[in-house]
Amino acid sequence: MKSVRHGLLAGLLVISSLCAHAAGFAWISVPADAEGPALKGAVWYPSATAPTALALGPFTLNVAKDAPVQGDQLPLVVMSHGTGGSALGHLDTAMTLAEAGFVVAAINHPGDNFEDLSQQMHVAPFYARPRDISRLISWMTRNWPQASHINPQAIGFFGFSRGGYTGLVSIGAVPDLKQGAAFCVHQPDLPFCTEIKGPLPPWPPADTRIKAAVIVDPLSVFNAAGLAQITVPVQLWASAYGGDGVTPESVAAIRAALPHAPEFYSVAGAGHFSFLAPCPAQMAAARPGLCNDRPGFDRVAFHQHFNAQVTTFFQSHLAAPAAH
């Protein structure tokens, strides 16, 4: 749970060569309400409109910006980034899903994203993140200008690191934050370490609209009893080496405790950040900790496999239409 500021570049990871066809793209803003502050993010979706180049900092997306959605009764996948990350941190996966007929929506979690780390080391994000996801689902299925194209009965979740934690809570897991005391051994002055000693509010209820979840190298503050209520299909990914508070052992413990065996993948040679999209050369030079994998690990090749497996899983459980 150490502090990791991914920075803007980490949120703008794009490898257009992984994408065989165009996808629609738009920025989104979920208004503030009684449940939380405004949520900023992005959405990808199938579109018949010809793509054009969209510059994001030093990167370029080949997308149909603000174009009409192609198709009806499309499944929706919502995405949750890791701590200090952004809505754009898994662009290649989102693009692949959009090209396969999914609407994919992701937001920057307030107080725990690359622009705003004010709540990162507090208890608050552990409660707020699942609420963010429920608010995103509600807005996408009711208020997004192209919401009529979405099938509200076919909703999936994708989350990485603290986003994986978010997904587990969203599908019914009950955390035990006092397990997080292990992170406090060397950082006892963190606000989180003080806050977990006091009374804690009840956890948000499971969002039963989520029918399947891809959980990627998740941060774990769960015991077996806390995972016992999960019933939806889960695809679980583990890196060989872990990182940022995640260990292969902690992911293995989640796998063993899930009441229904997940579709499980342990990625040989991968570190925690290998699940972020492959970095172009400029990105790799600027953020080597996020971009550089161990010798012999090919992130580009891995992501082709990873994105295909994620897509197949959601197609199996959300009845996605055929790729365009």
C-alpha atoms as a PDB file:
ATOM      1  CA  MET A   1       0.000   0.000   0.000  1.00  0.00           C
ATOM      2  CA  LYS A   2       3.001   2.258  -0.414  1.00  0.00           C
ATOM      3  CA  SER A   3       2.420   5.558  -2.177  1.00  0.00           C
ATOM      4  CA  VAL A   4       2.760   5.355  -5.952  1.00  0.00           C
ATOM      5  CA  ARG A   5       2.056   8.460  -8.004  1.00  0.00           C
ATOM      6  CA  HIS A   6       1.611   7.089 -11.472  1.00  0.00           C
ATOM      7  CA  GLY A   7       1.518  10.554 -13.023  1.00  0.00           C
ATOM      8  CA  LEU A   8      -0.201  11.732 -16.138  1.00  0.00           C
ATOM      9  CA  LEU A   9       1.910   9.694 -18.490  1.00  0.00           C
ATOM     10  CA  ALA A  10       0.989   6.472 -16.695  1.00  0.00           C
ATOM     11  CA  GLY A  11      -2.636   7.280 -17.333  1.00  0.00           C
ATOM     12  CA  LEU A  12      -2.069   7.876 -21.039  1.00  0.00           C
ATOM     13  CA  LEU A  13      -0.672   4.485 -21.980  1.00  0.00           C
ATOM     14  CA  VAL A  14      -1.622   3.685 -25.546  1.00  0.00           C
ATOM     15  CA  ILE A  15      -0.382   1.007 -27.888  1.00  0.00           C
ATOM     16  CA  SER A  16      -2.439   1.469 -31.023  1.00  0.00           C
ATOM     17  CA  SER A  17      -0.750  -1.491 -32.704  1.00  0.00           C
ATOM     18  CA  LEU A  18      -2.681  -3.785 -30.372  1.00  0.00           C
ATOM     19  CA  CYS A  19      -5.975  -2.560 -31.850  1.00  0.00           C
ATOM     20  CA  ALA A  20      -7.040  -4.018 -35.189  1.00  0.00           C
ATOM     21  CA  HIS A  21     -10.061  -1.742 -35.699  1.00  0.00           C
ATOM     22  CA  ALA A  22     -11.421   1.568 -34.512  1.00  0.00           C
ATOM     23  CA  ALA A  23     -13.368   2.203 -31.347  1.00  0.00           C
ATOM     24  CA  GLY A  24     -15.489   5.142 -30.340  1.00  0.00           C
ATOM     25  CA  PHE A  25     -14.183   7.279 -27.499  1.00  0.00           C
ATOM     26  CA  ALA A  26     -15.595  10.051 -25.325  1.00  0.00           C
ATOM     27  CA  TRP A  27     -14.823  11.784 -22.063  1.00  0.00           C
ATOM     28  CA  ILE A  28     -17.462  11.434 -19.359  1.00  0.00           C
ATOM     29  CA  SER A  29     -18.368  13.317 -16.195  1.00  0.00           C
ATOM     30  CA  VAL A  30     -20.672  11.849 -13.554  1.00  0.00           C
ATOM     31  CA  PRO A  31     -22.163  14.704 -11.494  1.00  0.00           C
ATOM     32  CA  ALA A  32     -21.661  14.937  -7.747  1.00  0.00           C
ATOM     33  CA  ASP A  33     -24.521  13.620  -5.652  1.00  0.00           C
ATOM     34  CA  ALA A  34     -25.298  12.580  -2.089  1.00  0.00           C
ATOM     35  CA  GLU A  35     -23.046   9.528  -2.510  1.00  0.00           C
ATOM     36  CA  GLY A  36     -19.896  11.360  -3.562  1.00  0.00           C
ATOM     37  CA  PRO A  37     -18.101  13.985  -5.655  1.00  0.00           C
ATOM     38  CA  ALA A  38     -18.092  14.318  -9.419  1.00  0.00           C
ATOM     39  CA  LEU A  39     -16.379  11.503 -11.307  1.00  0.00           C
ATOM     40  CA  LYS A  40     -14.261  12.225 -14.381  1.00  0.00           C
ATOM     41  CA  GLY A  41     -13.400   9.496 -16.841  1.00  0.00           C
ATOM     42  CA  ALA A  42     -13.645   8.026 -20.303  1.00  0.00           C
ATOM     43  CA  VAL A  43     -15.743   5.597 -22.291  1.00  0.00           C
ATOM     44  CA  TRP A  44     -14.888   3.370 -25.260  1.00  0.00           C
ATOM     45  CA  TYR A  45     -17.506   1.687 -27.436  1.00  0.00           C
ATOM     46  CA  PRO A  46     -18.091   0.120 -30.858  1.00  0.00           C
ATOM     47  CA  SER A  47     -18.728   2.630 -33.623  1.00  0.00           C
ATOM     48  CA  ALA A  48     -19.004   2.535 -37.387  1.00  0.00           C
ATOM     49  CA  THR A  49     -17.489   6.021 -37.727  1.00  0.00           C
ATOM     50  CA  ALA A  50     -14.037   6.190 -39.288  1.00  0.00           C
ATOM     51  CA  PRO A  51     -11.319   6.851 -36.710  1.00  0.00           C
ATOM     52  CA  THR A  52      -9.021   9.834 -36.592  1.00  0.00           C
ATOM     53  CA  ALA A  53      -5.924  10.609 -34.582  1.00  0.00           C
ATOM     54  CA  LEU A  54      -6.580  11.960 -31.093  1.00  0.00           C
ATOM     55  CA  ALA A  55      -3.556  13.452 -29.322  1.00  0.00           C
ATOM     56  CA  LEU A  56      -3.246  12.938 -25.581  1.00  0.00           C
ATOM     57  CA  GLY A  57       0.017  14.466 -24.483  1.00  0.00           C
ATOM     58  CA  PRO A  58       2.794  12.643 -26.354  1.00  0.00           C
ATOM     59  CA  PHE A  59       0.449   9.837 -27.380  1.00  0.00           C
ATOM     60  CA  THR A  60      -2.089   9.380 -30.132  1.00  0.00           C
ATOM     61  CA  LEU A  61      -5.257   7.291 -30.092  1.00  0.00           C
ATOM     62  CA  ASN A  62      -6.803   6.145 -33.342  1.00  0.00           C
ATOM     63  CA  VAL A  63     -10.459   6.499 -32.327  1.00  0.00           C
ATOM     64  CA  ALA A  64     -13.799   7.900 -33.430  1.00  0.00           C
ATOM     65  CA  LYS A  65     -14.146  10.656 -30.859  1.00  0.00           C
ATOM     66  CA  ASP A  66     -17.707  11.456 -29.742  1.00  0.00           C
ATOM     67  CA  ALA A  67     -19.096   9.278 -32.541  1.00  0.00           C
ATOM     68  CA  PRO A  68     -22.431   7.422 -32.370  1.00  0.00           C
ATOM     69  CA  VAL A  69     -22.512   3.960 -30.814  1.00  0.00           C
ATOM     70  CA  GLN A  70     -22.961   1.039 -33.189  1.00  0.00           C
ATOM     71  CA  GLY A  71     -25.227  -1.734 -31.893  1.00  0.00           C
ATOM     72  CA  ASP A  72     -27.892  -2.277 -29.272  1.00  0.00           C
ATOM     73  CA  GLN A  73     -28.161  -4.260 -26.045  1.00  0.00           C
ATOM     74  CA  LEU A  74     -24.395  -3.937 -25.644  1.00  0.00           C
ATOM     75  CA  PRO A  75     -22.743  -5.237 -22.475  1.00  0.00           C
ATOM     76  CA  LEU A  76     -21.041  -2.704 -20.204  1.00  0.00           C
ATOM     77  CA  VAL A  77     -17.688  -3.202 -18.463  1.00  0.00           C
ATOM     78  CA  VAL A  78     -16.650  -0.726 -15.771  1.00  0.00           C
ATOM     79  CA  MET A  79     -12.962  -0.327 -14.903  1.00  0.00           C
ATOM     80  CA  SER A  80     -11.188   0.587 -11.644  1.00  0.00           C
ATOM     81  CA  HIS A  81      -7.538   1.671 -11.666  1.00  0.00           C
ATOM     82  CA  GLY A  82      -4.835   1.057  -9.083  1.00  0.00           C
ATOM     83  CA  THR A  83      -3.882   3.571  -6.410  1.00  0.00           C
ATOM     84  CA  GLY A  84      -2.613   6.825  -7.903  1.00  0.00           C
ATOM     85  CA  GLY A  85      -3.611   5.722 -11.404  1.00  0.00           C
ATOM     86  CA  SER A  86      -6.180   7.002 -13.866  1.00  0.00           C
ATOM     87  CA  ALA A  87      -9.180   6.091 -15.972  1.00  0.00           C
ATOM     88  CA  LEU A  88      -6.810   5.671 -18.930  1.00  0.00           C
ATOM     89  CA  GLY A  89      -4.414   3.229 -17.324  1.00  0.00           C
ATOM     90  CA  HIS A  90      -5.738   0.149 -19.178  1.00  0.00           C
ATOM     91  CA  LEU A  91      -6.432   1.711 -22.551  1.00  0.00           C
ATOM     92  CA  ASP A  92      -5.344  -1.252 -24.610  1.00  0.00           C
ATOM     93  CA  THR A  93      -7.725  -3.568 -22.749  1.00  0.00           C
ATOM     94  CA  ALA A  94     -10.569  -1.066 -23.057  1.00  0.00           C
ATOM     95  CA  MET A  95      -9.937  -0.648 -26.788  1.00  0.00           C
ATOM     96  CA  THR A  96      -9.900  -4.417 -27.318  1.00  0.00           C
ATOM     97  CA  LEU A  97     -13.200  -4.829 -25.494  1.00  0.00           C
ATOM     98  CA  ALA A  98     -14.813  -1.950 -27.402  1.00  0.00           C
ATOM     99  CA  GLU A  99     -13.782  -3.496 -30.693  1.00  0.00           C
ATOM    100  CA  ALA A 100     -15.412  -6.750 -29.552  1.00  0.00           C
ATOM    101  CA  GLY A 101     -18.754  -5.058 -28.937  1.00  0.00           C
ATOM    102  CA  PHE A 102     -18.536  -3.807 -25.342  1.00  0.00           C
ATOM    103  CA  VAL A 103     -19.086  -0.383 -23.872  1.00  0.00           C
ATOM    104  CA  VAL A 104     -16.228   0.235 -21.427  1.00  0.00           C
ATOM    105  CA  ALA A 105     -16.318   3.016 -18.829  1.00  0.00           C
ATOM    106  CA  ALA A 106     -13.630   4.068 -16.361  1.00  0.00           C
ATOM    107  CA  ILE A 107     -13.250   6.968 -13.937  1.00  0.00           C
ATOM    108  CA  ASN A 108     -10.522   8.573 -11.855  1.00  0.00           C
ATOM    109  CA  HIS A 109     -11.300   7.628  -8.259  1.00  0.00           C
ATOM    110  CA  PRO A 110     -11.493  10.959  -6.355  1.00  0.00           C
ATOM    111  CA  GLY A 111      -8.678  11.447  -3.872  1.00  0.00           C
ATOM    112  CA  ASP A 112      -6.791   8.392  -5.163  1.00  0.00           C
ATOM    113  CA  ASN A 113      -5.704   9.245  -8.704  1.00  0.00           C
ATOM    114  CA  PHE A 114      -2.696  10.733 -10.473  1.00  0.00           C
ATOM    115  CA  GLU A 115      -3.990  14.288 -10.117  1.00  0.00           C
ATOM    116  CA  ASP A 116      -5.287  14.041  -6.556  1.00  0.00           C
ATOM    117  CA  LEU A 117      -3.687  11.818  -3.921  1.00  0.00           C
ATOM    118  CA  SER A 118      -5.290  13.569  -0.955  1.00  0.00           C
ATOM    119  CA  GLN A 119      -7.067  10.432   0.299  1.00  0.00           C
ATOM    120  CA  GLN A 120      -4.630   7.788  -0.914  1.00  0.00           C
ATOM    121  CA  MET A 121      -3.221   6.868   2.480  1.00  0.00           C
ATOM    122  CA  HIS A 122      -6.513   7.108   4.366  1.00  0.00           C
ATOM    123  CA  VAL A 123      -9.279   4.597   5.016  1.00  0.00           C
ATOM    124  CA  ALA A 124     -11.769   6.659   3.002  1.00  0.00           C
ATOM    125  CA  PRO A 125     -10.947   5.271  -0.485  1.00  0.00           C
ATOM    126  CA  PHE A 126     -11.623   1.732   0.680  1.00  0.00           C
ATOM    127  CA  TYR A 127     -15.234   2.774   1.231  1.00  0.00           C
ATOM    128  CA  ALA A 128     -15.559   5.328  -1.554  1.00  0.00           C
ATOM    129  CA  ARG A 129     -14.216   3.251  -4.425  1.00  0.00           C
ATOM    130  CA  PRO A 130     -17.079   0.673  -4.515  1.00  0.00           C
ATOM    131  CA  ARG A 131     -19.569   3.542  -4.283  1.00  0.00           C
ATOM    132  CA  ASP A 132     -17.794   5.230  -7.211  1.00  0.00           C
ATOM    133  CA  ILE A 133     -18.300   2.090  -9.291  1.00  0.00           C
ATOM    134  CA  SER A 134     -21.999   1.814  -8.418  1.00  0.00           C
ATOM    135  CA  ARG A 135     -22.507   5.485  -9.278  1.00  0.00           C
ATOM    136  CA  LEU A 136     -20.697   4.969 -12.576  1.00  0.00           C
ATOM    137  CA  ILE A 137     -22.925   2.004 -13.460  1.00  0.00           C
ATOM    138  CA  SER A 138     -26.063   3.969 -12.620  1.00  0.00           C
ATOM    139  CA  TRP A 139     -24.988   6.957 -14.691  1.00  0.00           C
ATOM    140  CA  MET A 140     -23.886   4.905 -17.682  1.00  0.00           C
ATOM    141  CA  THR A 141     -27.125   2.911 -17.808  1.00  0.00           C
ATOM    142  CA  ARG A 142     -29.476   5.835 -17.123  1.00  0.00           C
ATOM    143  CA  ASN A 143     -27.871   9.176 -17.969  1.00  0.00           C
ATOM    144  CA  TRP A 144     -25.051   8.681 -20.461  1.00  0.00           C
ATOM    145  CA  PRO A 145     -26.273  10.278 -23.714  1.00  0.00           C
ATOM    146  CA  GLN A 146     -26.003   6.911 -25.495  1.00  0.00           C
ATOM    147  CA  ALA A 147     -27.296   4.812 -22.599  1.00  0.00           C
ATOM    148  CA  SER A 148     -30.092   3.337 -24.707  1.00  0.00           C
ATOM    149  CA  HIS A 149     -27.498   1.137 -26.439  1.00  0.00           C
ATOM    150  CA  ILE A 150     -26.481  -0.589 -23.171  1.00  0.00           C
ATOM    151  CA  ASN A 151     -27.973  -3.802 -21.835  1.00  0.00           C
ATOM    152  CA  PRO A 152     -28.353  -3.087 -18.079  1.00  0.00           C
ATOM    153  CA  GLN A 153     -28.576  -6.820 -17.418  1.00  0.00           C
ATOM    154  CA  ALA A 154     -25.069  -7.446 -18.828  1.00  0.00           C
ATOM    155  CA  ILE A 155     -22.564  -5.579 -16.674  1.00  0.00           C
ATOM    156  CA  GLY A 156     -19.009  -6.655 -15.925  1.00  0.00           C
ATOM    157  CA  PHE A 157     -16.159  -5.267 -13.835  1.00  0.00           C
ATOM    158  CA  PHE A 158     -12.400  -5.020 -14.464  1.00  0.00           C
ATOM    159  CA  GLY A 159     -10.027  -3.875 -11.720  1.00  0.00           C
ATOM    160  CA  PHE A 160      -6.288  -3.800 -11.109  1.00  0.00           C
ATOM    161  CA  SER A 161      -4.451  -3.643  -7.755  1.00  0.00           C
ATOM    162  CA  ARG A 162      -6.539  -1.436  -5.453  1.00  0.00           C
ATOM    163  CA  GLY A 163      -9.038  -1.587  -8.297  1.00  0.00           C
ATOM    164  CA  GLY A 164      -9.082  -5.357  -7.839  1.00  0.00           C
ATOM    165  CA  TYR A 165      -9.892  -4.802  -4.180  1.00  0.00           C
ATOM    166  CA  THR A 166     -12.662  -2.446  -5.335  1.00  0.00           C
ATOM    167  CA  GLY A 167     -14.153  -5.136  -7.529  1.00  0.00           C
ATOM    168  CA  LEU A 168     -14.144  -7.766  -4.816  1.00  0.00           C
ATOM    169  CA  VAL A 169     -16.072  -5.443  -2.502  1.00  0.00           C
ATOM    170  CA  SER A 170     -18.435  -4.522  -5.341  1.00  0.00           C
ATOM    171  CA  ILE A 171     -19.358  -8.191  -5.867  1.00  0.00           C
ATOM    172  CA  GLY A 172     -19.878  -8.958  -2.197  1.00  0.00           C
ATOM    173  CA  ALA A 173     -16.578  -9.285  -0.320  1.00  0.00           C
ATOM    174  CA  VAL A 174     -16.364  -7.798   3.174  1.00  0.00           C
ATOM    175  CA  PRO A 175     -12.883  -6.423   3.989  1.00  0.00           C
ATOM    176  CA  ASP A 176     -11.094  -6.624   7.298  1.00  0.00           C
ATOM    177  CA  LEU A 177      -9.058  -3.427   7.243  1.00  0.00           C
ATOM    178  CA  LYS A 178      -7.251  -4.392  10.408  1.00  0.00           C
ATOM    179  CA  GLN A 179      -5.358  -6.866   8.221  1.00  0.00           C
ATOM    180  CA  GLY A 180      -3.849  -3.743   6.722  1.00  0.00           C
ATOM    181  CA  ALA A 181      -1.858  -3.308   9.920  1.00  0.00           C
ATOM    182  CA  ALA A 182       0.831  -5.351   8.187  1.00  0.00           C
ATOM    183  CA  PHE A 183       1.463  -2.338   5.965  1.00  0.00           C
ATOM    184  CA  CYS A 184       1.974  -0.186   9.054  1.00  0.00           C
ATOM    185  CA  VAL A 185       4.999  -1.982  10.468  1.00  0.00           C
ATOM    186  CA  HIS A 186       7.366   0.314   8.637  1.00  0.00           C
ATOM    187  CA  GLN A 187       4.971   3.254   8.198  1.00  0.00           C
ATOM    188  CA  PRO A 188       3.113   3.558  11.527  1.00  0.00           C
ATOM    189  CA  ASP A 189       2.389   7.253  11.060  1.00  0.00           C
ATOM    190  CA  LEU A 190       0.214   6.778   7.995  1.00  0.00           C
ATOM    191  CA  PRO A 191      -3.332   8.097   8.542  1.00  0.00           C
ATOM    192  CA  PHE A 192      -4.652   4.678   7.528  1.00  0.00           C
ATOM    193  CA  CYS A 193      -2.775   3.067  10.402  1.00  0.00           C
ATOM    194  CA  THR A 194      -4.423   5.330  12.941  1.00  0.00           C
ATOM    195  CA  GLU A 195      -7.875   5.214  11.392  1.00  0.00           C
ATOM    196  CA  ILE A 196      -8.160   1.412  11.373  1.00  0.00           C
ATOM    197  CA  LYS A 197      -7.822   1.393  15.163  1.00  0.00           C
ATOM    198  CA  GLY A 198     -11.099   3.243  15.607  1.00  0.00           C
ATOM    199  CA  PRO A 199     -14.680   2.233  14.855  1.00  0.00           C
ATOM    200  CA  LEU A 200     -15.355   1.801  11.158  1.00  0.00           C
ATOM    201  CA  PRO A 201     -18.636   2.344   9.293  1.00  0.00           C
ATOM    202  CA  PRO A 202     -20.511  -0.518   7.602  1.00  0.00           C
ATOM    203  CA  TRP A 203     -19.362  -1.556   4.142  1.00  0.00           C
ATOM    204  CA  PRO A 204     -21.260  -0.657   0.983  1.00  0.00           C
ATOM    205  CA  PRO A 205     -23.547  -3.491  -0.133  1.00  0.00           C
ATOM    206  CA  ALA A 206     -22.678  -5.612  -3.137  1.00  0.00           C
ATOM    207  CA  ASP A 207     -23.783  -4.217  -6.469  1.00  0.00           C
ATOM    208  CA  THR A 208     -25.869  -7.080  -7.813  1.00  0.00           C
ATOM    209  CA  ARG A 209     -25.912  -5.539 -11.278  1.00  0.00           C
ATOM    210  CA  ILE A 210     -22.339  -6.819 -11.795  1.00  0.00           C
ATOM    211  CA  LYS A 211     -22.578 -10.275 -13.365  1.00  0.00           C
ATOM    212  CA  ALA A 212     -18.873 -11.118 -13.863  1.00  0.00           C
ATOM    213  CA  ALA A 213     -15.549  -9.677 -12.680  1.00  0.00           C
ATOM    214  CA  VAL A 214     -11.927  -9.686 -13.843  1.00  0.00           C
ATOM    215  CA  ILE A 215      -9.733  -9.131 -10.782  1.00  0.00           C
ATOM    216  CA  VAL A 216      -6.089  -8.379 -11.587  1.00  0.00           C
ATOM    217  CA  ASP A 217      -3.304  -8.645  -8.974  1.00  0.00           C
ATOM    218  CA  PRO A 218      -5.646  -7.331  -6.252  1.00  0.00           C
ATOM    219  CA  LEU A 219      -4.667  -5.622  -3.031  1.00  0.00           C
ATOM    220  CA  SER A 220      -5.991  -7.884  -0.277  1.00  0.00           C
ATOM    221  CA  VAL A 221      -7.405  -7.021   3.127  1.00  0.00           C
ATOM    222  CA  PHE A 222      -9.724 -10.025   3.149  1.00  0.00           C
ATOM    223  CA  ASN A 223     -10.032 -13.254   5.076  1.00  0.00           C
ATOM    224  CA  ALA A 224     -11.882 -16.357   3.956  1.00  0.00           C
ATOM    225  CA  ALA A 225     -15.087 -15.366   5.723  1.00  0.00           C
ATOM    226  CA  GLY A 226     -15.029 -11.983   4.019  1.00  0.00           C
ATOM    227  CA  LEU A 227     -14.918 -13.590   0.569  1.00  0.00           C
ATOM    228  CA  ALA A 228     -17.574 -16.219   1.242  1.00  0.00           C
ATOM    229  CA  GLN A 229     -20.503 -14.255  -0.202  1.00  0.00           C
ATOM    230  CA  ILE A 230     -19.091 -13.861  -3.722  1.00  0.00           C
ATOM    231  CA  THR A 231     -21.228 -15.758  -6.230  1.00  0.00           C
ATOM    232  CA  VAL A 232     -20.500 -14.174  -9.635  1.00  0.00           C
ATOM    233  CA  PRO A 233     -17.903 -15.682 -12.004  1.00  0.00           C
ATOM    234  CA  VAL A 234     -14.388 -14.341 -11.418  1.00  0.00           C
ATOM    235  CA  GLN A 235     -11.317 -14.324 -13.643  1.00  0.00           C
ATOM    236  CA  LEU A 236      -8.323 -13.831 -11.325  1.00  0.00           C
ATOM    237  CA  TRP A 237      -4.825 -12.815 -12.443  1.00  0.00           C
ATOM    238  CA  ALA A 238      -1.615 -12.932 -10.414  1.00  0.00           C
ATOM    239  CA  SER A 239       1.852 -11.666 -11.254  1.00  0.00           C
ATOM    240  CA  ALA A 240       4.820 -13.884 -10.463  1.00  0.00           C
ATOM    241  CA  TYR A 241       6.584 -11.229  -8.396  1.00  0.00           C
ATOM    242  CA  GLY A 242       3.868  -8.883  -7.125  1.00  0.00           C
ATOM    243  CA  GLY A 243       4.573  -5.339  -6.019  1.00  0.00           C
ATOM    244  CA  ASP A 244       2.984  -2.239  -4.481  1.00  0.00           C
ATOM    245  CA  GLY A 245       1.641  -4.187  -1.501  1.00  0.00           C
ATOM    246  CA  VAL A 246       0.442  -7.158  -3.552  1.00  0.00           C
ATOM    247  CA  THR A 247       2.187 -10.529  -3.230  1.00  0.00           C
ATOM    248  CA  PRO A 248       1.704 -13.823  -5.091  1.00  0.00           C
ATOM    249  CA  GLU A 249       0.803 -15.331  -1.721  1.00  0.00           C
ATOM    250  CA  SER A 250      -1.937 -12.796  -1.040  1.00  0.00           C
ATOM    251  CA  VAL A 251      -3.514 -13.413  -4.444  1.00  0.00           C
ATOM    252  CA  ALA A 252      -3.241 -17.171  -3.914  1.00  0.00           C
ATOM    253  CA  ALA A 253      -5.089 -16.765  -0.623  1.00  0.00           C
ATOM    254  CA  ILE A 254      -7.934 -14.972  -2.402  1.00  0.00           C
ATOM    255  CA  ARG A 255      -8.043 -17.736  -4.988  1.00  0.00           C
ATOM    256  CA  ALA A 256      -8.260 -20.411  -2.290  1.00  0.00           C
ATOM    257  CA  ALA A 257     -10.949 -18.573  -0.336  1.00  0.00           C
ATOM    258  CA  LEU A 258     -13.346 -17.797  -3.163  1.00  0.00           C
ATOM    259  CA  PRO A 259     -16.379 -20.060  -2.722  1.00  0.00           C
ATOM    260  CA  HIS A 260     -16.430 -20.856  -6.454  1.00  0.00           C
ATOM    261  CA  ALA A 261     -13.136 -21.590  -8.184  1.00  0.00           C
ATOM    262  CA  PRO A 262     -12.126 -18.641 -10.375  1.00  0.00           C
ATOM    263  CA  GLU A 263     -10.666 -18.827 -13.833  1.00  0.00           C
ATOM    264  CA  PHE A 264      -7.090 -18.312 -12.650  1.00  0.00           C
ATOM    265  CA  TYR A 265      -3.895 -17.196 -14.379  1.00  0.00           C
ATOM    266  CA  SER A 266      -0.470 -16.824 -12.818  1.00  0.00           C
ATOM    267  CA  VAL A 267       1.780 -14.909 -15.210  1.00  0.00           C
ATOM    268  CA  ALA A 268       5.349 -16.198 -15.224  1.00  0.00           C
ATOM    269  CA  GLY A 269       7.955 -13.437 -15.253  1.00  0.00           C
ATOM    270  CA  ALA A 270       5.431 -10.657 -14.592  1.00  0.00           C
ATOM    271  CA  GLY A 271       5.722  -7.950 -11.994  1.00  0.00           C
ATOM    272  CA  HIS A 272       2.737  -6.060 -10.619  1.00  0.00           C
ATOM    273  CA  PHE A 273       2.911  -3.264 -13.187  1.00  0.00           C
ATOM    274  CA  SER A 274       3.209  -5.676 -16.105  1.00  0.00           C
ATOM    275  CA  PHE A 275      -0.593  -5.513 -16.226  1.00  0.00           C
ATOM    276  CA  LEU A 276      -0.449  -1.853 -17.219  1.00  0.00           C
ATOM    277  CA  ALA A 277      -0.473  -1.289 -20.962  1.00  0.00           C
ATOM    278  CA  PRO A 278       2.884  -1.579 -22.747  1.00  0.00           C
ATOM    279  CA  CYS A 279       4.898   1.617 -22.706  1.00  0.00           C
ATOM    280  CA  PRO A 280       6.273   3.372 -25.772  1.00  0.00           C
ATOM    281  CA  ALA A 281       9.943   4.333 -25.596  1.00  0.00           C
ATOM    282  CA  GLN A 282       9.322   7.848 -24.290  1.00  0.00           C
ATOM    283  CA  MET A 283       7.117   6.507 -21.514  1.00  0.00           C
ATOM    284  CA  ALA A 284       9.623   3.829 -20.589  1.00  0.00           C
ATOM    285  CA  ALA A 285      12.365   6.445 -20.224  1.00  0.00           C
ATOM    286  CA  ALA A 286      10.179   8.714 -18.077  1.00  0.00           C
ATOM    287  CA  ARG A 287       8.624   6.042 -15.817  1.00  0.00           C
ATOM    288  CA  PRO A 288      10.975   3.042 -15.686  1.00  0.00           C
ATOM    289  CA  GLY A 289       9.443   1.695 -12.485  1.00  0.00           C
ATOM    290  CA  LEU A 290       6.089   1.312 -14.177  1.00  0.00           C
ATOM    291  CA  CYS A 291       7.318   0.360 -17.628  1.00  0.00           C
ATOM    292  CA  ASN A 292      10.378  -1.841 -17.304  1.00  0.00           C
ATOM    293  CA  ASP A 293       9.732  -5.539 -16.831  1.00  0.00           C
ATOM    294  CA  ARG A 294      12.171  -8.219 -15.793  1.00  0.00           C
ATOM    295  CA  PRO A 295      14.558  -9.535 -18.460  1.00  0.00           C
ATOM    296  CA  GLY A 296      12.830 -11.914 -20.841  1.00  0.00           C
ATOM    297  CA  PHE A 297       9.284 -10.689 -20.179  1.00  0.00           C
ATOM    298  CA  ASP A 298       7.569  -9.322 -23.296  1.00  0.00           C
ATOM    299  CA  ARG A 299       4.766  -7.025 -22.134  1.00  0.00           C
ATOM    300  CA  VAL A 300       3.452  -6.424 -25.654  1.00  0.00           C
ATOM    301  CA  ALA A 301       3.107 -10.130 -26.375  1.00  0.00           C
ATOM    302  CA  PHE A 302       1.619 -10.775 -22.943  1.00  0.00           C
ATOM    303  CA  HIS A 303      -1.028  -8.083 -23.373  1.00  0.00           C
ATOM    304  CA  GLN A 304      -2.188  -9.604 -26.629  1.00  0.00           C
ATOM    305  CA  HIS A 305      -2.888 -12.808 -24.691  1.00  0.00           C
ATOM    306  CA  PHE A 306      -4.214 -10.969 -21.630  1.00  0.00           C
ATOM    307  CA  ASN A 307      -6.672  -8.831 -23.583  1.00  0.00           C
ATOM    308  CA  ALA A 308      -7.896 -11.836 -25.543  1.00  0.00           C
ATOM    309  CA  GLN A 309      -8.520 -13.842 -22.354  1.00  0.00           C
ATOM    310  CA  VAL A 310     -10.316 -10.948 -20.674  1.00  0.00           C
ATOM    311  CA  THR A 311     -12.503 -10.450 -23.739  1.00  0.00           C
ATOM    312  CA  THR A 312     -13.346 -14.149 -23.999  1.00  0.00           C
ATOM    313  CA  PHE A 313     -14.280 -14.269 -20.307  1.00  0.00           C
ATOM    314  CA  PHE A 314     -16.690 -11.360 -20.600  1.00  0.00           C
ATOM    315  CA  GLN A 315     -18.129 -12.729 -23.850  1.00  0.00           C
ATOM    316  CA  SER A 316     -18.822 -16.008 -22.048  1.00  0.00           C
ATOM    317  CA  HIS A 317     -20.605 -14.412 -19.115  1.00  0.00           C
ATOM    318  CA  LEU A 318     -22.158 -11.248 -20.550  1.00  0.00           C
ATOM    319  CA  ALA A 319     -23.350 -12.569 -23.912  1.00  0.00           C
ATOM    320  CA  ALA A 320     -21.475  -9.956 -25.936  1.00  0.00           C
ATOM    321  CA  PRO A 321     -22.360  -9.602 -29.607  1.00  0.00           C
ATOM    322  CA  ALA A 322     -19.891 -10.702 -32.239  1.00  0.00           C
ATOM    323  CA  ALA A 323     -16.970  -8.384 -32.954  1.00  0.00           C
ATOM    324  CA  HIS A 324     -17.546  -5.759 -35.633  1.00  0.00           C
END
